[in-house]
C-alpha cells in the first residue's frame, strides 16, 4: 500500500519544479497584504487607544480598561478572519495551478512516477476500476492503460471511468472484488499536504503580526 509519505514525496518534487514558484509568489503577495492590513489595524488601534486615554481622563479608569479589552478581542477576531481568508485563497490558487500543470507534457512524467509507486499492484489479479478526470479519460487513457499493463496487469482487468467528483488529476483505483480504494488523485494529495501548508501560512502570518505589533 502506498503511504501518505510516498505520495507527498512525488508531490514535493512537483512543488519543487513549477508549483513551488507559484507558492512562494502567493506567500509573498499574501504577506504583503497582511502587512498592509496589520498596519491599518495598528493605526486604528493606536487612534482608538488615544481616544480611550482621552476619555479616561474624563471618566473612571475601569472604563478605559474595558474599552482596551474589547479592542484586543476585536483585533484577535480580525487576525483569525484574515488567516482563514489567506488559507482559502491560497488553496484555491494552488488548485488552479495544479489544474494548469495537468495540461503540460510534464504531467505524464508525474503520472508515471505515481504509477511506479504502485508496483505491488502488478501482482493483483482482481478487476480494477480506475477513475480519471474528463481530460485524462479523453487524452491520456490509452497511455495510462499501457503504463498499468507495463506494471504487470492485464488489459482485461482494467476498467476506466470519469470520476463524478473533482480530483484535479491523478487517479482513484478501486478493487472491485475486495472493495478497496486507493486514492492517488492530486486533490487527495493536496488535502493530505494541507496541514503542512496551513502551518507554513500560520507561521508567516505570525511573523508579520509580530512585526506589526512591535
Protein backbone atom coordinates (compact mmCIF):
# COMPACT_ATOMS: atom_id res chain seq x y z
CA UNK A 1 0.00 0.00 0.00
CA UNK A 2 1.30 3.43 -0.94
CA UNK A 3 1.82 5.58 2.16
CA UNK A 4 1.00 9.26 2.56
CA UNK A 5 4.73 9.96 2.80
CA UNK A 6 5.33 8.28 -0.58
CA UNK A 7 2.58 10.29 -2.22
CA UNK A 8 3.85 13.52 -0.70
CA UNK A 9 7.38 12.71 -1.91
CA UNK A 10 6.23 12.78 -5.52
CA UNK A 11 4.07 15.80 -4.88
CA UNK A 12 7.01 17.60 -3.28
CA UNK A 13 9.02 17.08 -6.47
CA UNK A 14 6.15 18.69 -8.33
CA UNK A 15 6.17 21.63 -5.93
CA UNK A 16 9.92 21.99 -6.27
CA UNK A 17 9.57 22.41 -10.02
CA UNK A 18 6.77 24.66 -11.16
CA UNK A 19 4.26 24.96 -8.35
CA UNK A 20 6.84 25.93 -5.71
CA UNK A 21 7.48 29.19 -7.58
CA UNK A 22 3.77 29.91 -7.53
CA UNK A 23 3.58 29.06 -3.82
CA UNK A 24 6.43 31.43 -3.00
CA UNK A 25 4.84 34.16 -5.08
CA UNK A 26 1.48 33.64 -3.40
CA UNK A 27 3.09 33.75 0.05
CA UNK A 28 4.90 36.98 -0.84
CA UNK A 29 1.69 38.61 -2.06
CA UNK A 30 -0.30 37.41 0.93
CA UNK A 31 2.36 38.51 3.39
CA UNK A 32 2.46 41.99 1.81
CA UNK A 33 -1.30 42.23 2.01
CA UNK A 34 -1.27 41.08 5.60
CA UNK A 35 1.43 43.62 6.45
CA UNK A 36 -0.80 46.32 4.96
CA UNK A 37 -3.81 45.15 6.92
CA UNK A 38 -1.79 44.90 10.14
CA UNK A 39 -0.52 48.44 9.60
CA UNK A 40 -4.05 49.70 9.02
CA UNK A 41 -5.29 47.80 12.03
CA UNK A 42 -2.41 49.10 14.19
CA UNK A 43 -3.18 52.66 13.11
CA UNK A 44 -6.84 52.19 14.00
CA UNK A 45 -5.97 50.64 17.35
CA UNK A 46 -3.48 53.43 18.15
CA UNK A 47 -6.10 56.01 17.25
CA UNK A 48 -8.70 54.26 19.36
CA UNK A 49 -6.24 53.93 22.23
CA UNK A 50 -5.54 57.67 22.07
CA UNK A 51 -9.25 58.39 22.22
CA UNK A 52 -9.64 55.97 25.12
CA UNK A 53 -6.83 57.66 27.01
CA UNK A 54 -8.53 61.00 26.50
CA UNK A 55 -11.80 59.53 27.69
CA UNK A 56 -10.04 58.00 30.67
CA UNK A 57 -9.09 61.49 31.80
CA UNK A 58 -12.75 62.33 31.88
CA UNK A 59 -14.12 59.04 33.13
CA UNK A 60 -13.17 56.29 35.53
CA UNK A 61 -10.04 54.19 34.95
CA UNK A 62 -12.09 50.99 34.79
CA UNK A 63 -13.97 52.24 31.75
CA UNK A 64 -10.77 52.68 29.74
CA UNK A 65 -9.64 49.18 30.63
CA UNK A 66 -12.98 47.82 29.44
CA UNK A 67 -12.58 49.52 26.04
CA UNK A 68 -8.99 48.33 25.65
CA UNK A 69 -10.08 44.74 26.34
CA UNK A 70 -12.76 44.98 23.68
CA UNK A 71 -10.19 46.31 21.24
CA UNK A 72 -7.89 43.35 21.86
CA UNK A 73 -10.73 40.88 21.31
CA UNK A 74 -11.70 42.58 18.05
CA UNK A 75 -8.07 42.52 16.88
CA UNK A 76 -7.78 38.78 17.57
CA UNK A 77 -11.02 38.12 15.68
CA UNK A 78 -9.78 40.12 12.72
CA UNK A 79 -6.48 38.21 12.72
CA UNK A 80 -8.33 34.87 12.66
CA UNK A 81 -10.54 36.10 9.82
CA UNK A 82 -7.50 37.21 7.81
CA UNK A 83 -5.80 33.85 8.42
CA UNK A 84 -8.85 31.92 7.21
CA UNK A 85 -9.13 34.14 4.15
CA UNK A 86 -5.44 33.72 3.31
CA UNK A 87 -5.66 29.92 3.60
CA UNK A 88 -8.79 29.75 1.45
CA UNK A 89 -7.31 31.94 -1.27
CA UNK A 90 -4.01 30.10 -1.26
CA UNK A 91 -5.62 26.64 -1.51
CA UNK A 92 -7.71 27.87 -4.43
CA UNK A 93 -4.64 29.32 -6.15
CA UNK A 94 -2.78 26.04 -5.62
CA UNK A 95 -5.68 24.03 -7.08
CA UNK A 96 -5.75 26.32 -10.11
CA UNK A 97 -2.00 25.90 -10.59
CA UNK A 98 -2.29 22.11 -10.38
CA UNK A 99 -5.06 22.18 -12.98
CA UNK A 100 -2.79 24.12 -15.34
CA UNK A 101 0.03 21.67 -14.66
CA UNK A 102 -2.13 18.74 -15.83
CA UNK A 103 -2.17 20.30 -19.29
CA UNK A 104 1.63 20.26 -19.63
CA UNK A 105 3.80 17.42 -21.02
CA UNK A 106 5.48 17.14 -17.60
CA UNK A 107 2.19 15.88 -16.19
CA UNK A 108 2.73 12.49 -17.87
CA UNK A 109 6.09 12.24 -16.12
CA UNK A 110 4.29 12.86 -12.84
CA UNK A 111 1.69 10.17 -13.65
CA UNK A 112 4.46 7.71 -14.44
CA UNK A 113 6.04 8.37 -11.04
CA UNK A 114 2.67 7.83 -9.34
CA UNK A 115 2.09 4.52 -11.17
CA UNK A 116 5.65 3.37 -10.45
CA UNK A 117 4.89 3.79 -6.73
CA UNK A 118 2.18 1.14 -7.07
CA UNK A 119 4.49 -1.68 -8.16
CA UNK A 120 2.76 -4.19 -5.86
CA UNK A 121 -0.45 -3.60 -7.81
CA UNK A 122 1.06 -5.61 -10.68
CA UNK A 123 0.50 -8.77 -8.61
CA UNK A 124 -3.21 -8.09 -8.30
CA UNK A 125 -5.47 -10.42 -10.33
CA UNK A 126 -8.77 -8.74 -9.46
CA UNK A 127 -10.71 -6.44 -11.83
CA UNK A 128 -9.86 -2.80 -11.19
CA UNK A 129 -11.91 0.30 -11.86
CA UNK A 130 -9.78 3.39 -12.48
CA UNK A 131 -11.38 6.82 -12.14
CA UNK A 132 -9.84 9.69 -14.12
CA UNK A 133 -10.58 13.32 -14.86
CA UNK A 134 -12.53 14.05 -18.01
CA UNK A 135 -9.35 15.39 -19.59
CA UNK A 136 -7.29 12.30 -18.76
CA UNK A 137 -10.04 9.99 -19.94
CA UNK A 138 -10.14 11.74 -23.31
CA UNK A 139 -6.43 12.42 -23.85
CA UNK A 140 -4.39 10.04 -21.70
CA UNK A 141 -6.48 6.92 -21.13
CA UNK A 142 -4.51 4.76 -23.56
CA UNK A 143 -1.19 5.98 -22.16
CA UNK A 144 -2.33 5.26 -18.60
CA UNK A 145 -3.62 1.83 -19.61
CA UNK A 146 -0.28 0.91 -21.15
CA UNK A 147 1.54 2.13 -18.03
CA UNK A 148 -0.55 -0.21 -15.88
CA UNK A 149 0.00 -3.10 -18.30
CA UNK A 150 3.75 -2.47 -18.03
CA UNK A 151 3.28 -2.77 -14.29
CA UNK A 152 2.12 -6.37 -14.82
CA UNK A 153 -1.65 -6.02 -15.07
CA UNK A 154 -3.80 -7.49 -17.83
CA UNK A 155 -5.80 -5.18 -20.09
CA UNK A 156 -8.93 -7.24 -19.30
CA UNK A 157 -8.57 -6.27 -15.61
CA UNK A 158 -8.80 -2.56 -16.29
CA UNK A 159 -11.99 -0.53 -16.50
CA UNK A 160 -11.84 3.25 -16.83
CA UNK A 161 -14.47 5.79 -15.80
CA UNK A 162 -14.64 9.55 -15.38
CA UNK A 163 -14.72 10.50 -11.69
CA UNK A 164 -18.05 12.01 -10.67
CA UNK A 165 -16.32 14.37 -8.21
CA UNK A 166 -13.39 16.75 -8.85
CA UNK A 167 -9.98 15.08 -8.44
CA UNK A 168 -7.85 17.65 -10.38
CA UNK A 169 -5.53 14.95 -11.77
CA UNK A 170 -4.05 11.57 -10.97
CA UNK A 171 -6.47 8.69 -10.39
CA UNK A 172 -8.55 6.68 -7.96
CA UNK A 173 -8.24 2.87 -8.17
CA UNK A 174 -10.96 0.57 -6.82
CA UNK A 175 -10.53 -3.19 -6.44
CA UNK A 176 -13.97 -4.46 -7.44
CA UNK A 177 -13.68 -7.78 -5.59
CA UNK A 178 -12.07 -6.66 -2.35
CA UNK A 179 -13.83 -3.27 -2.43
CA UNK A 180 -10.66 -1.42 -1.52
CA UNK A 181 -9.92 2.09 -2.72
CA UNK A 182 -6.55 3.70 -3.46
CA UNK A 183 -6.83 7.47 -3.88
CA UNK A 184 -3.87 8.73 -5.89
CA UNK A 185 -5.64 11.85 -7.09
CA UNK A 186 -3.90 15.22 -6.93
CA UNK A 187 -6.78 16.64 -4.90
CA UNK A 188 -6.23 13.99 -2.23
CA UNK A 189 -2.52 14.75 -2.12
CA UNK A 190 -3.24 18.47 -1.70
CA UNK A 191 -5.65 17.64 1.11
CA UNK A 192 -3.02 15.46 2.78
CA UNK A 193 -0.49 18.29 2.48
CA UNK A 194 -2.94 20.92 3.71
CA UNK A 195 -1.82 20.66 7.32
CA UNK A 196 1.75 21.49 6.32
CA UNK A 197 0.54 24.34 4.10
CA UNK A 198 -1.66 25.80 6.86
CA UNK A 199 1.24 25.55 9.30
CA UNK A 200 3.51 27.47 6.93
CA UNK A 201 0.86 30.14 6.30
CA UNK A 202 0.20 30.45 10.05
CA UNK A 203 3.91 30.83 10.73
CA UNK A 204 4.24 33.51 8.03
CA UNK A 205 1.21 35.40 9.36
CA UNK A 206 2.52 35.12 12.90
CA UNK A 207 5.85 36.62 11.90
CA UNK A 208 4.15 39.51 10.11
CA UNK A 209 1.81 40.01 13.05
CA UNK A 210 4.73 40.16 15.46
CA UNK A 211 6.41 42.79 13.31
CA UNK A 212 3.17 44.77 13.16
CA UNK A 213 2.92 44.74 16.96
CA UNK A 214 6.47 45.94 17.56
